[in-house]
Amino acid sequence: MTWPNEIALTPASLATDGEQGEGAKAFDPCEAEHNRSLRPLLLQAVAGLRQARCALNCYAVATDTPAHAAVEAADLVDAALTALDGAP
């Protein structure tokens, strides 16, 4: 709860070393500085796509004639992985 004369705390104004304010540095338990980078999300997306590609590959190997939809899905996953390959 914030009181009327109290400044509301935001995640950027909090720090793990007990200091508050603009000069405080916010670090997580692994000592990695917080940032708003999309890189972790892109890495998760690539990992999920690789897992999907592996599952589709296992399905294709296990059957003599894979379904047409599975082949199309594998092509789409490959295209998504190619598109994400050049992402920052």
C-alpha atoms as a PDB file:
ATOM      1  CA  MET A   1       0.000   0.000   0.000  1.00  0.00           C
ATOM      2  CA  THR A   2       1.240   3.469  -0.798  1.00  0.00           C
ATOM      3  CA  TRP A   3       0.397   6.473   1.270  1.00  0.00           C
ATOM      4  CA  PRO A   4      -0.638   9.764  -0.346  1.00  0.00           C
ATOM      5  CA  ASN A   5       2.710  11.448   0.364  1.00  0.00           C
ATOM      6  CA  GLU A   6       4.805   8.409  -0.572  1.00  0.00           C
ATOM      7  CA  ILE A   7       6.441   7.951  -3.956  1.00  0.00           C
ATOM      8  CA  ALA A   8       5.335   4.686  -5.546  1.00  0.00           C
ATOM      9  CA  LEU A   9       8.160   2.221  -6.113  1.00  0.00           C
ATOM     10  CA  THR A  10       8.684   0.826  -9.563  1.00  0.00           C
ATOM     11  CA  PRO A  11      10.832  -2.185 -10.490  1.00  0.00           C
ATOM     12  CA  ALA A  12      13.434   0.164 -11.940  1.00  0.00           C
ATOM     13  CA  SER A  13      13.682   2.090  -8.642  1.00  0.00           C
ATOM     14  CA  LEU A  14      14.309  -0.994  -6.503  1.00  0.00           C
ATOM     15  CA  ALA A  15      17.650  -2.656  -5.994  1.00  0.00           C
ATOM     16  CA  THR A  16      18.758  -5.829  -4.256  1.00  0.00           C
ATOM     17  CA  ASP A  17      21.498  -4.048  -2.318  1.00  0.00           C
ATOM     18  CA  GLY A  18      18.942  -2.051  -0.317  1.00  0.00           C
ATOM     19  CA  GLU A  19      19.472   1.240  -2.103  1.00  0.00           C
ATOM     20  CA  GLN A  20      16.560   2.931  -3.764  1.00  0.00           C
ATOM     21  CA  GLY A  21      16.331   5.723  -6.222  1.00  0.00           C
ATOM     22  CA  GLU A  22      17.620   6.595  -9.613  1.00  0.00           C
ATOM     23  CA  GLY A  23      21.234   5.626  -8.912  1.00  0.00           C
ATOM     24  CA  ALA A  24      20.369   2.144  -7.625  1.00  0.00           C
ATOM     25  CA  LYS A  25      21.263  -0.827  -9.755  1.00  0.00           C
ATOM     26  CA  ALA A  26      18.743  -3.646 -10.013  1.00  0.00           C
ATOM     27  CA  PHE A  27      20.340  -7.059 -10.279  1.00  0.00           C
ATOM     28  CA  ASP A  28      18.794 -10.502 -10.133  1.00  0.00           C
ATOM     29  CA  PRO A  29      20.228 -13.295  -7.931  1.00  0.00           C
ATOM     30  CA  CYS A  30      22.596 -14.297 -10.756  1.00  0.00           C
ATOM     31  CA  GLU A  31      24.059 -10.765 -10.830  1.00  0.00           C
ATOM     32  CA  ALA A  32      22.730 -10.153 -14.335  1.00  0.00           C
ATOM     33  CA  GLU A  33      21.583  -6.609 -14.933  1.00  0.00           C
ATOM     34  CA  HIS A  34      17.923  -6.246 -15.834  1.00  0.00           C
ATOM     35  CA  ASN A  35      17.240  -5.000 -19.328  1.00  0.00           C
ATOM     36  CA  ARG A  36      14.325  -4.958 -21.690  1.00  0.00           C
ATOM     37  CA  SER A  37      16.038  -7.009 -24.361  1.00  0.00           C
ATOM     38  CA  LEU A  38      14.050  -9.385 -26.500  1.00  0.00           C
ATOM     39  CA  ARG A  39      16.957 -11.820 -26.699  1.00  0.00           C
ATOM     40  CA  PRO A  40      15.690 -14.170 -23.941  1.00  0.00           C
ATOM     41  CA  LEU A  41      12.302 -14.361 -25.628  1.00  0.00           C
ATOM     42  CA  LEU A  42      13.889 -15.070 -28.995  1.00  0.00           C
ATOM     43  CA  LEU A  43      16.003 -17.825 -27.466  1.00  0.00           C
ATOM     44  CA  GLN A  44      12.877 -19.397 -25.970  1.00  0.00           C
ATOM     45  CA  ALA A  45      11.106 -19.178 -29.307  1.00  0.00           C
ATOM     46  CA  VAL A  46      14.021 -20.821 -31.112  1.00  0.00           C
ATOM     47  CA  ALA A  47      14.194 -23.565 -28.476  1.00  0.00           C
ATOM     48  CA  GLY A  48      10.469 -24.257 -28.845  1.00  0.00           C
ATOM     49  CA  LEU A  49      10.704 -24.341 -32.621  1.00  0.00           C
ATOM     50  CA  ARG A  50      13.660 -26.727 -32.486  1.00  0.00           C
ATOM     51  CA  GLN A  51      11.709 -28.985 -30.146  1.00  0.00           C
ATOM     52  CA  ALA A  52       8.734 -28.925 -32.520  1.00  0.00           C
ATOM     53  CA  ARG A  53      11.025 -29.687 -35.470  1.00  0.00           C
ATOM     54  CA  CYS A  54      12.510 -32.621 -33.571  1.00  0.00           C
ATOM     55  CA  ALA A  55       9.044 -33.989 -32.776  1.00  0.00           C
ATOM     56  CA  LEU A  56       7.985 -33.658 -36.414  1.00  0.00           C
ATOM     57  CA  ASN A  57      11.207 -35.340 -37.511  1.00  0.00           C
ATOM     58  CA  CYS A  58      10.630 -38.243 -35.112  1.00  0.00           C
ATOM     59  CA  TYR A  59       7.092 -38.623 -36.457  1.00  0.00           C
ATOM     60  CA  ALA A  60       8.314 -38.634 -40.058  1.00  0.00           C
ATOM     61  CA  VAL A  61      10.957 -41.264 -39.307  1.00  0.00           C
ATOM     62  CA  ALA A  62       8.490 -43.470 -37.406  1.00  0.00           C
ATOM     63  CA  THR A  63       5.974 -43.601 -40.269  1.00  0.00           C
ATOM     64  CA  ASP A  64       6.497 -44.698 -43.844  1.00  0.00           C
ATOM     65  CA  THR A  65       4.268 -41.987 -45.290  1.00  0.00           C
ATOM     66  CA  PRO A  66       3.917 -38.952 -43.012  1.00  0.00           C
ATOM     67  CA  ALA A  67       0.735 -36.929 -43.262  1.00  0.00           C
ATOM     68  CA  HIS A  68       0.773 -33.982 -45.643  1.00  0.00           C
ATOM     69  CA  ALA A  69      -0.042 -31.593 -42.779  1.00  0.00           C
ATOM     70  CA  ALA A  70       3.040 -32.771 -40.842  1.00  0.00           C
ATOM     71  CA  VAL A  71       5.268 -32.089 -43.830  1.00  0.00           C
ATOM     72  CA  GLU A  72       3.776 -28.614 -44.239  1.00  0.00           C
ATOM     73  CA  ALA A  73       4.219 -27.964 -40.511  1.00  0.00           C
ATOM     74  CA  ALA A  74       7.878 -28.965 -40.741  1.00  0.00           C
ATOM     75  CA  ASP A  75       8.341 -26.569 -43.652  1.00  0.00           C
ATOM     76  CA  LEU A  76       6.731 -23.741 -41.661  1.00  0.00           C
ATOM     77  CA  VAL A  77       8.919 -24.488 -38.639  1.00  0.00           C
ATOM     78  CA  ASP A  78      11.995 -24.433 -40.871  1.00  0.00           C
ATOM     79  CA  ALA A  79      10.911 -21.079 -42.312  1.00  0.00           C
ATOM     80  CA  ALA A  80      10.368 -19.649 -38.817  1.00  0.00           C
ATOM     81  CA  LEU A  81      13.784 -20.863 -37.680  1.00  0.00           C
ATOM     82  CA  THR A  82      15.380 -19.293 -40.740  1.00  0.00           C
ATOM     83  CA  ALA A  83      13.596 -15.998 -40.039  1.00  0.00           C
ATOM     84  CA  LEU A  84      14.682 -15.995 -36.393  1.00  0.00           C
ATOM     85  CA  ASP A  85      18.249 -16.879 -37.304  1.00  0.00           C
ATOM     86  CA  GLY A  86      18.992 -13.312 -38.305  1.00  0.00           C
ATOM     87  CA  ALA A  87      17.135 -11.716 -35.374  1.00  0.00           C
ATOM     88  CA  PRO A  88      19.191  -9.682 -32.883  1.00  0.00           C
END
